[in-house]
Amino acid sequence: MAVTPATGVRIPATKRAKLESDRRRQKTRVNIGEAFEKWKILREYLEIITKYVWKKVGLLMLSKQRCPCVSPVVGRFLG
């Protein structure tokens, strides 16, 4: 066990190693604060759009109508 110079309290080596690791990691962190909030809003918006699009694709596939962009003979995309 090591003794901390500031308090004179003994700290186990494993805890001391973790504290040192945390200190090193803290020096490399970047605070993205406001950008993260914007990203969360964008992610939710895109998720809603994606769900809407897949719902429409599923309905189109389940319906008996054929998409005009698909050849009924070959089944290939004509676009």
PDB file of N, CA and C in Angstrom:
ATOM      1  N   MET A   1       0.838  -1.185   0.000  1.00  0.00           N
ATOM      2  CA  MET A   1       0.000   0.000   0.000  1.00  0.00           C
ATOM      3  C   MET A   1       0.875   1.237   0.000  1.00  0.00           C
ATOM      4  N   ALA A   2       0.373   2.247  -0.691  1.00  0.00           N
ATOM      5  CA  ALA A   2       1.099   3.509  -0.764  1.00  0.00           C
ATOM      6  C   ALA A   2       0.383   4.551   0.084  1.00  0.00           C
ATOM      7  N   VAL A   3       1.139   5.514   0.530  1.00  0.00           N
ATOM      8  CA  VAL A   3       0.575   6.595   1.333  1.00  0.00           C
ATOM      9  C   VAL A   3       0.498   7.831   0.466  1.00  0.00           C
ATOM     10  N   THR A   4      -0.672   8.474   0.432  1.00  0.00           N
ATOM     11  CA  THR A   4      -0.797   9.706  -0.342  1.00  0.00           C
ATOM     12  C   THR A   4      -0.133  10.838   0.419  1.00  0.00           C
ATOM     13  N   PRO A   5       0.651  11.660  -0.268  1.00  0.00           N
ATOM     14  CA  PRO A   5       1.359  12.727   0.418  1.00  0.00           C
ATOM     15  C   PRO A   5       0.428  13.784   1.010  1.00  0.00           C
ATOM     16  N   ALA A   6      -0.674  14.049   0.372  1.00  0.00           N
ATOM     17  CA  ALA A   6      -1.548  15.134   0.826  1.00  0.00           C
ATOM     18  C   ALA A   6      -2.278  14.786   2.120  1.00  0.00           C
ATOM     19  N   THR A   7      -2.777  13.575   2.221  1.00  0.00           N
ATOM     20  CA  THR A   7      -3.600  13.220   3.387  1.00  0.00           C
ATOM     21  C   THR A   7      -2.924  12.250   4.332  1.00  0.00           C
ATOM     22  N   GLY A   8      -1.912  11.536   3.863  1.00  0.00           N
ATOM     23  CA  GLY A   8      -1.257  10.544   4.687  1.00  0.00           C
ATOM     24  C   GLY A   8      -2.067   9.270   4.834  1.00  0.00           C
ATOM     25  N   VAL A   9      -3.089   9.094   3.995  1.00  0.00           N
ATOM     26  CA  VAL A   9      -3.950   7.914   4.045  1.00  0.00           C
ATOM     27  C   VAL A   9      -3.368   6.849   3.125  1.00  0.00           C
ATOM     28  N   ARG A  10      -3.430   5.609   3.585  1.00  0.00           N
ATOM     29  CA  ARG A  10      -2.941   4.503   2.772  1.00  0.00           C
ATOM     30  C   ARG A  10      -3.973   4.115   1.715  1.00  0.00           C
ATOM     31  N   ILE A  11      -3.505   3.917   0.487  1.00  0.00           N
ATOM     32  CA  ILE A  11      -4.375   3.531  -0.624  1.00  0.00           C
ATOM     33  C   ILE A  11      -3.816   2.250  -1.227  1.00  0.00           C
ATOM     34  N   PRO A  12      -4.658   1.234  -1.428  1.00  0.00           N
ATOM     35  CA  PRO A  12      -4.182  -0.008  -2.063  1.00  0.00           C
ATOM     36  C   PRO A  12      -3.644   0.281  -3.462  1.00  0.00           C
ATOM     37  N   ALA A  13      -2.703  -0.531  -3.902  1.00  0.00           N
ATOM     38  CA  ALA A  13      -2.058  -0.325  -5.200  1.00  0.00           C
ATOM     39  C   ALA A  13      -3.060  -0.372  -6.345  1.00  0.00           C
ATOM     40  N   THR A  14      -4.042  -1.261  -6.270  1.00  0.00           N
ATOM     41  CA  THR A  14      -5.018  -1.359  -7.360  1.00  0.00           C
ATOM     42  C   THR A  14      -5.862  -0.092  -7.462  1.00  0.00           C
ATOM     43  N   LYS A  15      -6.255   0.448  -6.317  1.00  0.00           N
ATOM     44  CA  LYS A  15      -7.053   1.685  -6.325  1.00  0.00           C
ATOM     45  C   LYS A  15      -6.204   2.850  -6.828  1.00  0.00           C
ATOM     46  N   ARG A  16      -4.941   2.883  -6.396  1.00  0.00           N
ATOM     47  CA  ARG A  16      -4.053   3.955  -6.841  1.00  0.00           C
ATOM     48  C   ARG A  16      -3.846   3.889  -8.355  1.00  0.00           C
ATOM     49  N   ALA A  17      -3.697   2.684  -8.889  1.00  0.00           N
ATOM     50  CA  ALA A  17      -3.540   2.508 -10.336  1.00  0.00           C
ATOM     51  C   ALA A  17      -4.791   2.983 -11.070  1.00  0.00           C
ATOM     52  N   LYS A  18      -5.958   2.680 -10.523  1.00  0.00           N
ATOM     53  CA  LYS A  18      -7.200   3.122 -11.154  1.00  0.00           C
ATOM     54  C   LYS A  18      -7.307   4.639 -11.130  1.00  0.00           C
ATOM     55  N   LEU A  19      -6.967   5.247 -10.015  1.00  0.00           N
ATOM     56  CA  LEU A  19      -7.020   6.711  -9.922  1.00  0.00           C
ATOM     57  C   LEU A  19      -6.075   7.365 -10.928  1.00  0.00           C
ATOM     58  N   GLU A  20      -4.884   6.800 -11.058  1.00  0.00           N
ATOM     59  CA  GLU A  20      -3.914   7.333 -12.022  1.00  0.00           C
ATOM     60  C   GLU A  20      -4.435   7.171 -13.446  1.00  0.00           C
ATOM     61  N   SER A  21      -5.029   6.017 -13.725  1.00  0.00           N
ATOM     62  CA  SER A  21      -5.612   5.778 -15.044  1.00  0.00           C
ATOM     63  C   SER A  21      -6.732   6.787 -15.326  1.00  0.00           C
ATOM     64  N   ASP A  22      -7.569   7.026 -14.334  1.00  0.00           N
ATOM     65  CA  ASP A  22      -8.656   8.004 -14.493  1.00  0.00           C
ATOM     66  C   ASP A  22      -8.114   9.402 -14.754  1.00  0.00           C
ATOM     67  N   ARG A  23      -7.033   9.768 -14.056  1.00  0.00           N
ATOM     68  CA  ARG A  23      -6.429  11.095 -14.273  1.00  0.00           C
ATOM     69  C   ARG A  23      -5.903  11.241 -15.688  1.00  0.00           C
ATOM     70  N   ARG A  24      -5.223  10.195 -16.194  1.00  0.00           N
ATOM     71  CA  ARG A  24      -4.692  10.247 -17.565  1.00  0.00           C
ATOM     72  C   ARG A  24      -5.825  10.340 -18.584  1.00  0.00           C
ATOM     73  N   ARG A  25      -6.872   9.550 -18.387  1.00  0.00           N
ATOM     74  CA  ARG A  25      -8.004   9.563 -19.311  1.00  0.00           C
ATOM     75  C   ARG A  25      -8.703  10.924 -19.302  1.00  0.00           C
ATOM     76  N   GLN A  26      -8.823  11.530 -18.149  1.00  0.00           N
ATOM     77  CA  GLN A  26      -9.496  12.820 -18.024  1.00  0.00           C
ATOM     78  C   GLN A  26      -8.791  13.900 -18.853  1.00  0.00           C
ATOM     79  N   LYS A  27      -7.474  13.798 -18.982  1.00  0.00           N
ATOM     80  CA  LYS A  27      -6.708  14.792 -19.744  1.00  0.00           C
ATOM     81  C   LYS A  27      -7.003  14.714 -21.239  1.00  0.00           C
ATOM     82  N   THR A  28      -7.483  13.573 -21.721  1.00  0.00           N
ATOM     83  CA  THR A  28      -7.725  13.401 -23.156  1.00  0.00           C
ATOM     84  C   THR A  28      -9.195  13.545 -23.535  1.00  0.00           C
ATOM     85  N   ARG A  29     -10.057  13.782 -22.580  1.00  0.00           N
ATOM     86  CA  ARG A  29     -11.487  13.905 -22.882  1.00  0.00           C
ATOM     87  C   ARG A  29     -11.789  15.236 -23.559  1.00  0.00           C
ATOM     88  N   VAL A  30     -12.797  15.189 -24.419  1.00  0.00           N
ATOM     89  CA  VAL A  30     -13.256  16.383 -25.114  1.00  0.00           C
ATOM     90  C   VAL A  30     -14.725  16.582 -24.762  1.00  0.00           C
ATOM     91  N   ASN A  31     -15.086  17.779 -24.351  1.00  0.00           N
ATOM     92  CA  ASN A  31     -16.471  18.072 -24.001  1.00  0.00           C
ATOM     93  C   ASN A  31     -17.196  18.559 -25.252  1.00  0.00           C
ATOM     94  N   ILE A  32     -18.191  17.789 -25.690  1.00  0.00           N
ATOM     95  CA  ILE A  32     -18.923  18.167 -26.894  1.00  0.00           C
ATOM     96  C   ILE A  32     -20.295  18.746 -26.573  1.00  0.00           C
ATOM     97  N   GLY A  33     -20.624  18.836 -25.296  1.00  0.00           N
ATOM     98  CA  GLY A  33     -21.851  19.417 -24.763  1.00  0.00           C
ATOM     99  C   GLY A  33     -22.973  19.708 -25.730  1.00  0.00           C
ATOM    100  N   GLU A  34     -23.003  20.915 -26.279  1.00  0.00           N
ATOM    101  CA  GLU A  34     -24.105  21.360 -27.129  1.00  0.00           C
ATOM    102  C   GLU A  34     -24.195  20.531 -28.410  1.00  0.00           C
ATOM    103  N   ALA A  35     -23.058  20.166 -28.975  1.00  0.00           N
ATOM    104  CA  ALA A  35     -23.062  19.366 -30.203  1.00  0.00           C
ATOM    105  C   ALA A  35     -23.714  18.009 -29.949  1.00  0.00           C
ATOM    106  N   PHE A  36     -23.522  17.442 -28.764  1.00  0.00           N
ATOM    107  CA  PHE A  36     -24.124  16.156 -28.447  1.00  0.00           C
ATOM    108  C   PHE A  36     -25.638  16.265 -28.389  1.00  0.00           C
ATOM    109  N   GLU A  37     -26.137  17.345 -27.817  1.00  0.00           N
ATOM    110  CA  GLU A  37     -27.593  17.547 -27.760  1.00  0.00           C
ATOM    111  C   GLU A  37     -28.162  17.653 -29.172  1.00  0.00           C
ATOM    112  N   LYS A  38     -27.478  18.383 -30.055  1.00  0.00           N
ATOM    113  CA  LYS A  38     -27.937  18.507 -31.449  1.00  0.00           C
ATOM    114  C   LYS A  38     -27.906  17.145 -32.132  1.00  0.00           C
ATOM    115  N   TRP A  39     -26.868  16.352 -31.856  1.00  0.00           N
ATOM    116  CA  TRP A  39     -26.756  15.035 -32.449  1.00  0.00           C
ATOM    117  C   TRP A  39     -27.907  14.137 -32.006  1.00  0.00           C
ATOM    118  N   LYS A  40     -28.279  14.189 -30.732  1.00  0.00           N
ATOM    119  CA  LYS A  40     -29.386  13.364 -30.248  1.00  0.00           C
ATOM    120  C   LYS A  40     -30.684  13.731 -30.957  1.00  0.00           C
ATOM    121  N   ILE A  41     -30.937  15.024 -31.155  1.00  0.00           N
ATOM    122  CA  ILE A  41     -32.145  15.479 -31.860  1.00  0.00           C
ATOM    123  C   ILE A  41     -32.125  14.983 -33.295  1.00  0.00           C
ATOM    124  N   LEU A  42     -30.985  15.126 -33.971  1.00  0.00           N
ATOM    125  CA  LEU A  42     -30.865  14.672 -35.358  1.00  0.00           C
ATOM    126  C   LEU A  42     -31.074  13.169 -35.458  1.00  0.00           C
ATOM    127  N   ARG A  43     -30.487  12.418 -34.526  1.00  0.00           N
ATOM    128  CA  ARG A  43     -30.624  10.960 -34.534  1.00  0.00           C
ATOM    129  C   ARG A  43     -32.088  10.554 -34.387  1.00  0.00           C
ATOM    130  N   GLU A  44     -32.806  11.203 -33.479  1.00  0.00           N
ATOM    131  CA  GLU A  44     -34.225  10.888 -33.300  1.00  0.00           C
ATOM    132  C   GLU A  44     -35.012  11.224 -34.559  1.00  0.00           C
ATOM    133  N   TYR A  45     -34.715  12.356 -35.178  1.00  0.00           N
ATOM    134  CA  TYR A  45     -35.396  12.767 -36.403  1.00  0.00           C
ATOM    135  C   TYR A  45     -35.151  11.750 -37.515  1.00  0.00           C
ATOM    136  N   LEU A  46     -33.899  11.350 -37.692  1.00  0.00           N
ATOM    137  CA  LEU A  46     -33.579  10.390 -38.746  1.00  0.00           C
ATOM    138  C   LEU A  46     -34.200   9.024 -38.468  1.00  0.00           C
ATOM    139  N   GLU A  47     -34.290   8.657 -37.202  1.00  0.00           N
ATOM    140  CA  GLU A  47     -34.913   7.389 -36.850  1.00  0.00           C
ATOM    141  C   GLU A  47     -36.390   7.404 -37.214  1.00  0.00           C
ATOM    142  N   ILE A  48     -37.059   8.518 -36.978  1.00  0.00           N
ATOM    143  CA  ILE A  48     -38.477   8.648 -37.325  1.00  0.00           C
ATOM    144  C   ILE A  48     -38.647   8.547 -38.834  1.00  0.00           C
ATOM    145  N   ILE A  49     -37.794   9.242 -39.589  1.00  0.00           N
ATOM    146  CA  ILE A  49     -37.881   9.191 -41.051  1.00  0.00           C
ATOM    147  C   ILE A  49     -37.624   7.771 -41.536  1.00  0.00           C
ATOM    148  N   THR A  50     -36.617   7.114 -40.986  1.00  0.00           N
ATOM    149  CA  THR A  50     -36.285   5.757 -41.403  1.00  0.00           C
ATOM    150  C   THR A  50     -37.456   4.811 -41.143  1.00  0.00           C
ATOM    151  N   LYS A  51     -38.063   4.917 -39.975  1.00  0.00           N
ATOM    152  CA  LYS A  51     -39.209   4.058 -39.664  1.00  0.00           C
ATOM    153  C   LYS A  51     -40.346   4.323 -40.638  1.00  0.00           C
ATOM    154  N   TYR A  52     -40.578   5.592 -40.980  1.00  0.00           N
ATOM    155  CA  TYR A  52     -41.641   5.955 -41.913  1.00  0.00           C
ATOM    156  C   TYR A  52     -41.364   5.349 -43.292  1.00  0.00           C
ATOM    157  N   VAL A  53     -40.128   5.491 -43.762  1.00  0.00           N
ATOM    158  CA  VAL A  53     -39.770   4.976 -45.090  1.00  0.00           C
ATOM    159  C   VAL A  53     -39.917   3.460 -45.124  1.00  0.00           C
ATOM    160  N   TRP A  54     -39.404   2.761 -44.107  1.00  0.00           N
ATOM    161  CA  TRP A  54     -39.521   1.307 -44.102  1.00  0.00           C
ATOM    162  C   TRP A  54     -40.962   0.851 -43.991  1.00  0.00           C
ATOM    163  N   LYS A  55     -41.781   1.621 -43.288  1.00  0.00           N
ATOM    164  CA  LYS A  55     -43.195   1.281 -43.212  1.00  0.00           C
ATOM    165  C   LYS A  55     -43.817   1.371 -44.600  1.00  0.00           C
ATOM    166  N   LYS A  56     -43.493   2.450 -45.336  1.00  0.00           N
ATOM    167  CA  LYS A  56     -44.034   2.607 -46.684  1.00  0.00           C
ATOM    168  C   LYS A  56     -43.529   1.507 -47.614  1.00  0.00           C
ATOM    169  N   VAL A  57     -42.251   1.164 -47.503  1.00  0.00           N
ATOM    170  CA  VAL A  57     -41.694   0.095 -48.340  1.00  0.00           C
ATOM    171  C   VAL A  57     -42.403  -1.220 -48.027  1.00  0.00           C
ATOM    172  N   GLY A  58     -42.603  -1.500 -46.752  1.00  0.00           N
ATOM    173  CA  GLY A  58     -43.296  -2.726 -46.366  1.00  0.00           C
ATOM    174  C   GLY A  58     -44.714  -2.768 -46.885  1.00  0.00           C
ATOM    175  N   LEU A  59     -45.414  -1.641 -46.778  1.00  0.00           N
ATOM    176  CA  LEU A  59     -46.786  -1.597 -47.289  1.00  0.00           C
ATOM    177  C   LEU A  59     -46.812  -1.789 -48.795  1.00  0.00           C
ATOM    178  N   LEU A  60     -45.838  -1.190 -49.479  1.00  0.00           N
ATOM    179  CA  LEU A  60     -45.765  -1.340 -50.929  1.00  0.00           C
ATOM    180  C   LEU A  60     -45.522  -2.805 -51.297  1.00  0.00           C
ATOM    181  N   MET A  61     -44.637  -3.461 -50.571  1.00  0.00           N
ATOM    182  CA  MET A  61     -44.329  -4.860 -50.864  1.00  0.00           C
ATOM    183  C   MET A  61     -45.512  -5.768 -50.553  1.00  0.00           C
ATOM    184  N   LEU A  62     -46.277  -5.423 -49.515  1.00  0.00           N
ATOM    185  CA  LEU A  62     -47.414  -6.256 -49.142  1.00  0.00           C
ATOM    186  C   LEU A  62     -48.636  -6.007 -50.014  1.00  0.00           C
ATOM    187  N   SER A  63     -48.686  -4.828 -50.614  1.00  0.00           N
ATOM    188  CA  SER A  63     -49.854  -4.531 -51.443  1.00  0.00           C
ATOM    189  C   SER A  63     -49.790  -5.319 -52.740  1.00  0.00           C
ATOM    190  N   LYS A  64     -50.917  -5.408 -53.406  1.00  0.00           N
ATOM    191  CA  LYS A  64     -50.969  -6.165 -54.653  1.00  0.00           C
ATOM    192  C   LYS A  64     -50.559  -5.319 -55.841  1.00  0.00           C
ATOM    193  N   GLN A  65     -50.352  -4.028 -55.608  1.00  0.00           N
ATOM    194  CA  GLN A  65     -49.929  -3.154 -56.697  1.00  0.00           C
ATOM    195  C   GLN A  65     -48.448  -3.363 -56.969  1.00  0.00           C
ATOM    196  N   ARG A  66     -48.081  -3.190 -58.210  1.00  0.00           N
ATOM    197  CA  ARG A  66     -46.678  -3.287 -58.594  1.00  0.00           C
ATOM    198  C   ARG A  66     -46.099  -1.884 -58.702  1.00  0.00           C
ATOM    199  N   CYS A  67     -44.870  -1.752 -58.314  1.00  0.00           N
ATOM    200  CA  CYS A  67     -44.157  -0.480 -58.470  1.00  0.00           C
ATOM    201  C   CYS A  67     -43.893  -0.288 -59.957  1.00  0.00           C
ATOM    202  N   PRO A  68     -44.195   0.892 -60.530  1.00  0.00           N
ATOM    203  CA  PRO A  68     -43.983   1.096 -61.970  1.00  0.00           C
ATOM    204  C   PRO A  68     -42.520   1.046 -62.372  1.00  0.00           C
ATOM    205  N   CYS A  69     -41.621   1.104 -61.428  1.00  0.00           N
ATOM    206  CA  CYS A  69     -40.204   1.085 -61.771  1.00  0.00           C
ATOM    207  C   CYS A  69     -39.634  -0.324 -61.826  1.00  0.00           C
ATOM    208  N   VAL A  70     -40.476  -1.343 -61.635  1.00  0.00           N
ATOM    209  CA  VAL A  70     -40.012  -2.726 -61.664  1.00  0.00           C
ATOM    210  C   VAL A  70     -40.639  -3.433 -62.850  1.00  0.00           C
ATOM    211  N   SER A  71     -39.828  -4.065 -63.649  1.00  0.00           N
ATOM    212  CA  SER A  71     -40.317  -4.797 -64.805  1.00  0.00           C
ATOM    213  C   SER A  71     -41.024  -6.058 -64.336  1.00  0.00           C
ATOM    214  N   PRO A  72     -42.293  -6.276 -64.749  1.00  0.00           N
ATOM    215  CA  PRO A  72     -43.015  -7.464 -64.322  1.00  0.00           C
ATOM    216  C   PRO A  72     -42.427  -8.741 -64.900  1.00  0.00           C
ATOM    217  N   VAL A  73     -41.752  -8.645 -66.052  1.00  0.00           N
ATOM    218  CA  VAL A  73     -41.211  -9.832 -66.714  1.00  0.00           C
ATOM    219  C   VAL A  73     -39.902 -10.271 -66.060  1.00  0.00           C
ATOM    220  N   VAL A  74     -39.003  -9.315 -65.936  1.00  0.00           N
ATOM    221  CA  VAL A  74     -37.666  -9.653 -65.444  1.00  0.00           C
ATOM    222  C   VAL A  74     -37.571  -9.477 -63.942  1.00  0.00           C
ATOM    223  N   GLY A  75     -38.357  -8.543 -63.373  1.00  0.00           N
ATOM    224  CA  GLY A  75     -38.283  -8.277 -61.954  1.00  0.00           C
ATOM    225  C   GLY A  75     -37.089  -7.411 -61.582  1.00  0.00           C
ATOM    226  N   ARG A  76     -36.584  -6.687 -62.551  1.00  0.00           N
ATOM    227  CA  ARG A  76     -35.416  -5.840 -62.334  1.00  0.00           C
ATOM    228  C   ARG A  76     -35.821  -4.388 -62.244  1.00  0.00           C
ATOM    229  N   PHE A  77     -34.986  -3.642 -61.617  1.00  0.00           N
ATOM    230  CA  PHE A  77     -35.195  -2.203 -61.519  1.00  0.00           C
ATOM    231  C   PHE A  77     -34.890  -1.559 -62.868  1.00  0.00           C
ATOM    232  N   LEU A  78     -35.809  -0.731 -63.360  1.00  0.00           N
ATOM    233  CA  LEU A  78     -35.650  -0.125 -64.685  1.00  0.00           C
ATOM    234  C   LEU A  78     -35.072   1.283 -64.633  1.00  0.00           C
ATOM    235  N   GLY A  79     -34.884   1.836 -63.419  1.00  0.00           N
ATOM    236  CA  GLY A  79     -34.444   3.210 -63.242  1.00  0.00           C
ATOM    237  C   GLY A  79     -33.167   3.499 -63.893  1.00  0.00           C
TER     238      GLY A  79
END
